[in-house]
Amino acid sequence: MAEDSIFSDGPQEFFQTYFVNEGSCDAQSILPVGDHYDCHCTCGSWDVTVTDPDVGLELARRHTRSTP
């Protein structure tokens, strides 16, 4: 019997879960786009652009700590 795990999901299945749960801070992304990084959260209320991925990671951590 296969165990149900997000680690066995493909990328599309993994992210589909978060689109269904919009409004929750379940996942953040820091994506390279040209010379900058677009940072997003599944809650839909956090989107920033940074030039350093480490700054994006720190901002994502602050965001999730500040969200109830």
N, C-alpha and C. Protein backbone atom coordinates (compact mmCIF):
# COMPACT_ATOMS: atom_id res chain seq x y z
N MET A 1 0.84 -1.18 0.00
CA MET A 1 0.00 0.00 0.00
C MET A 1 0.89 1.24 0.00
N ALA A 2 0.65 2.17 -0.91
CA ALA A 2 1.42 3.40 -1.01
C ALA A 2 0.96 4.39 0.04
N GLU A 3 1.92 5.02 0.68
CA GLU A 3 1.61 6.03 1.69
C GLU A 3 1.34 7.36 0.99
N ASP A 4 0.30 8.07 1.42
CA ASP A 4 -0.04 9.36 0.84
C ASP A 4 0.91 10.41 1.41
N SER A 5 1.75 10.99 0.58
CA SER A 5 2.75 11.95 1.02
C SER A 5 2.93 13.02 -0.04
N ILE A 6 3.17 14.27 0.41
CA ILE A 6 3.44 15.33 -0.56
C ILE A 6 4.74 15.07 -1.30
N PHE A 7 5.64 14.25 -0.74
CA PHE A 7 6.89 13.97 -1.39
C PHE A 7 6.73 13.05 -2.60
N SER A 8 5.60 12.36 -2.69
CA SER A 8 5.36 11.51 -3.84
C SER A 8 4.54 12.22 -4.91
N ASP A 9 4.05 13.42 -4.61
CA ASP A 9 3.28 14.20 -5.57
C ASP A 9 4.21 14.83 -6.60
N GLY A 10 3.69 15.00 -7.80
CA GLY A 10 4.41 15.78 -8.79
C GLY A 10 4.25 17.26 -8.46
N PRO A 11 5.05 18.14 -9.08
CA PRO A 11 4.96 19.57 -8.79
C PRO A 11 3.56 20.14 -8.98
N GLN A 12 2.88 19.70 -10.01
CA GLN A 12 1.53 20.21 -10.28
C GLN A 12 0.56 19.81 -9.15
N GLU A 13 0.64 18.57 -8.69
CA GLU A 13 -0.22 18.11 -7.60
C GLU A 13 0.12 18.83 -6.29
N PHE A 14 1.40 19.03 -6.06
CA PHE A 14 1.85 19.70 -4.84
C PHE A 14 1.27 21.11 -4.76
N PHE A 15 1.40 21.89 -5.83
CA PHE A 15 0.94 23.27 -5.80
C PHE A 15 -0.57 23.39 -5.91
N GLN A 16 -1.23 22.43 -6.50
CA GLN A 16 -2.69 22.46 -6.59
C GLN A 16 -3.32 22.51 -5.20
N THR A 17 -2.73 21.80 -4.25
CA THR A 17 -3.21 21.81 -2.87
C THR A 17 -3.23 23.22 -2.32
N TYR A 18 -2.22 24.01 -2.63
CA TYR A 18 -2.13 25.35 -2.08
C TYR A 18 -3.07 26.33 -2.78
N PHE A 19 -3.35 26.11 -4.05
CA PHE A 19 -4.31 26.97 -4.74
C PHE A 19 -5.71 26.78 -4.17
N VAL A 20 -6.04 25.57 -3.77
CA VAL A 20 -7.34 25.28 -3.18
C VAL A 20 -7.46 25.93 -1.82
N ASN A 21 -6.35 26.02 -1.07
CA ASN A 21 -6.36 26.58 0.28
C ASN A 21 -5.93 28.04 0.29
N GLU A 22 -6.21 28.79 -0.75
CA GLU A 22 -5.81 30.18 -0.81
C GLU A 22 -6.32 30.92 0.43
N GLY A 23 -5.50 31.79 0.95
CA GLY A 23 -5.84 32.51 2.16
C GLY A 23 -5.01 32.05 3.33
N SER A 24 -4.37 30.91 3.20
CA SER A 24 -3.50 30.38 4.25
C SER A 24 -2.04 30.54 3.83
N CYS A 25 -1.18 30.75 4.79
CA CYS A 25 0.26 30.88 4.51
C CYS A 25 0.90 29.49 4.52
N ASP A 26 0.52 28.66 3.57
CA ASP A 26 1.01 27.29 3.50
C ASP A 26 2.34 27.17 2.77
N ALA A 27 2.59 28.05 1.80
CA ALA A 27 3.83 27.95 1.03
C ALA A 27 4.21 29.32 0.49
N GLN A 28 5.51 29.55 0.46
CA GLN A 28 6.05 30.77 -0.11
C GLN A 28 7.00 30.38 -1.23
N SER A 29 7.14 31.28 -2.19
CA SER A 29 8.07 31.02 -3.29
C SER A 29 8.96 32.23 -3.50
N ILE A 30 10.19 31.97 -3.91
CA ILE A 30 11.15 33.00 -4.26
C ILE A 30 11.71 32.58 -5.62
N LEU A 31 11.21 33.20 -6.67
CA LEU A 31 11.49 32.76 -8.03
C LEU A 31 12.36 33.75 -8.79
N PRO A 32 13.44 33.27 -9.43
CA PRO A 32 14.27 34.18 -10.22
C PRO A 32 13.54 34.61 -11.50
N VAL A 33 13.57 35.92 -11.73
CA VAL A 33 12.96 36.48 -12.94
C VAL A 33 13.93 37.55 -13.45
N GLY A 34 14.74 37.18 -14.42
CA GLY A 34 15.74 38.12 -14.94
C GLY A 34 16.75 38.49 -13.87
N ASP A 35 16.83 39.78 -13.56
CA ASP A 35 17.82 40.25 -12.58
C ASP A 35 17.24 40.45 -11.18
N HIS A 36 16.05 39.90 -10.92
CA HIS A 36 15.44 40.03 -9.60
C HIS A 36 14.71 38.74 -9.22
N TYR A 37 14.08 38.74 -8.07
CA TYR A 37 13.33 37.58 -7.58
C TYR A 37 11.94 38.04 -7.18
N ASP A 38 10.93 37.33 -7.66
CA ASP A 38 9.55 37.58 -7.27
C ASP A 38 9.21 36.63 -6.12
N CYS A 39 8.71 37.19 -5.04
CA CYS A 39 8.40 36.41 -3.84
C CYS A 39 6.89 36.46 -3.60
N HIS A 40 6.31 35.32 -3.33
CA HIS A 40 4.86 35.21 -3.16
C HIS A 40 4.52 34.27 -2.01
N CYS A 41 3.30 34.41 -1.51
CA CYS A 41 2.77 33.51 -0.50
C CYS A 41 1.40 33.04 -0.95
N THR A 42 1.04 31.84 -0.57
CA THR A 42 -0.27 31.30 -0.96
C THR A 42 -1.43 32.03 -0.30
N CYS A 43 -1.16 32.86 0.72
CA CYS A 43 -2.24 33.61 1.35
C CYS A 43 -2.80 34.67 0.41
N GLY A 44 -2.02 35.06 -0.59
CA GLY A 44 -2.47 36.05 -1.55
C GLY A 44 -2.26 37.49 -1.13
N SER A 45 -1.74 37.71 0.07
CA SER A 45 -1.56 39.09 0.53
C SER A 45 -0.09 39.47 0.69
N TRP A 46 0.82 38.64 0.22
CA TRP A 46 2.25 38.95 0.31
C TRP A 46 2.91 38.68 -1.03
N ASP A 47 3.34 39.75 -1.67
CA ASP A 47 4.06 39.69 -2.94
C ASP A 47 5.11 40.80 -2.91
N VAL A 48 6.37 40.44 -3.04
CA VAL A 48 7.44 41.42 -3.07
C VAL A 48 8.44 41.06 -4.15
N THR A 49 9.24 42.04 -4.55
CA THR A 49 10.31 41.84 -5.51
C THR A 49 11.61 42.25 -4.82
N VAL A 50 12.62 41.40 -4.91
CA VAL A 50 13.92 41.67 -4.30
C VAL A 50 15.03 41.35 -5.29
N THR A 51 16.23 41.87 -5.01
CA THR A 51 17.38 41.57 -5.88
C THR A 51 18.27 40.48 -5.30
N ASP A 52 18.01 40.09 -4.05
CA ASP A 52 18.82 39.07 -3.37
C ASP A 52 17.90 37.99 -2.80
N PRO A 53 18.10 36.72 -3.18
CA PRO A 53 17.21 35.67 -2.70
C PRO A 53 17.24 35.50 -1.17
N ASP A 54 18.38 35.82 -0.54
CA ASP A 54 18.45 35.73 0.92
C ASP A 54 17.54 36.76 1.58
N VAL A 55 17.43 37.92 0.99
CA VAL A 55 16.50 38.94 1.49
C VAL A 55 15.07 38.44 1.33
N GLY A 56 14.77 37.84 0.20
CA GLY A 56 13.43 37.28 -0.01
C GLY A 56 13.09 36.21 1.02
N LEU A 57 14.06 35.36 1.34
CA LEU A 57 13.84 34.32 2.33
C LEU A 57 13.58 34.92 3.71
N GLU A 58 14.35 35.92 4.08
CA GLU A 58 14.14 36.58 5.38
C GLU A 58 12.78 37.26 5.43
N LEU A 59 12.38 37.92 4.35
CA LEU A 59 11.06 38.56 4.31
C LEU A 59 9.94 37.53 4.39
N ALA A 60 10.13 36.39 3.75
CA ALA A 60 9.13 35.31 3.84
C ALA A 60 9.01 34.81 5.28
N ARG A 61 10.12 34.67 5.95
CA ARG A 61 10.09 34.24 7.36
C ARG A 61 9.37 35.26 8.23
N ARG A 62 9.65 36.54 8.01
CA ARG A 62 8.96 37.59 8.78
C ARG A 62 7.46 37.56 8.50
N HIS A 63 7.11 37.36 7.24
CA HIS A 63 5.70 37.32 6.86
C HIS A 63 4.96 36.19 7.58
N THR A 64 5.55 35.01 7.58
CA THR A 64 4.85 33.87 8.19
C THR A 64 4.81 33.98 9.71
N ARG A 65 5.80 34.63 10.31
CA ARG A 65 5.77 34.84 11.76
C ARG A 65 4.73 35.88 12.15
N SER A 66 4.44 36.83 11.25
CA SER A 66 3.51 37.91 11.57
C SER A 66 2.06 37.56 11.22
N THR A 67 1.85 36.45 10.56
CA THR A 67 0.51 36.05 10.14
C THR A 67 -0.09 35.09 11.15
N PRO A 68 -1.28 35.43 11.68
CA PRO A 68 -1.88 34.54 12.68
C PRO A 68 -2.28 33.19 12.13
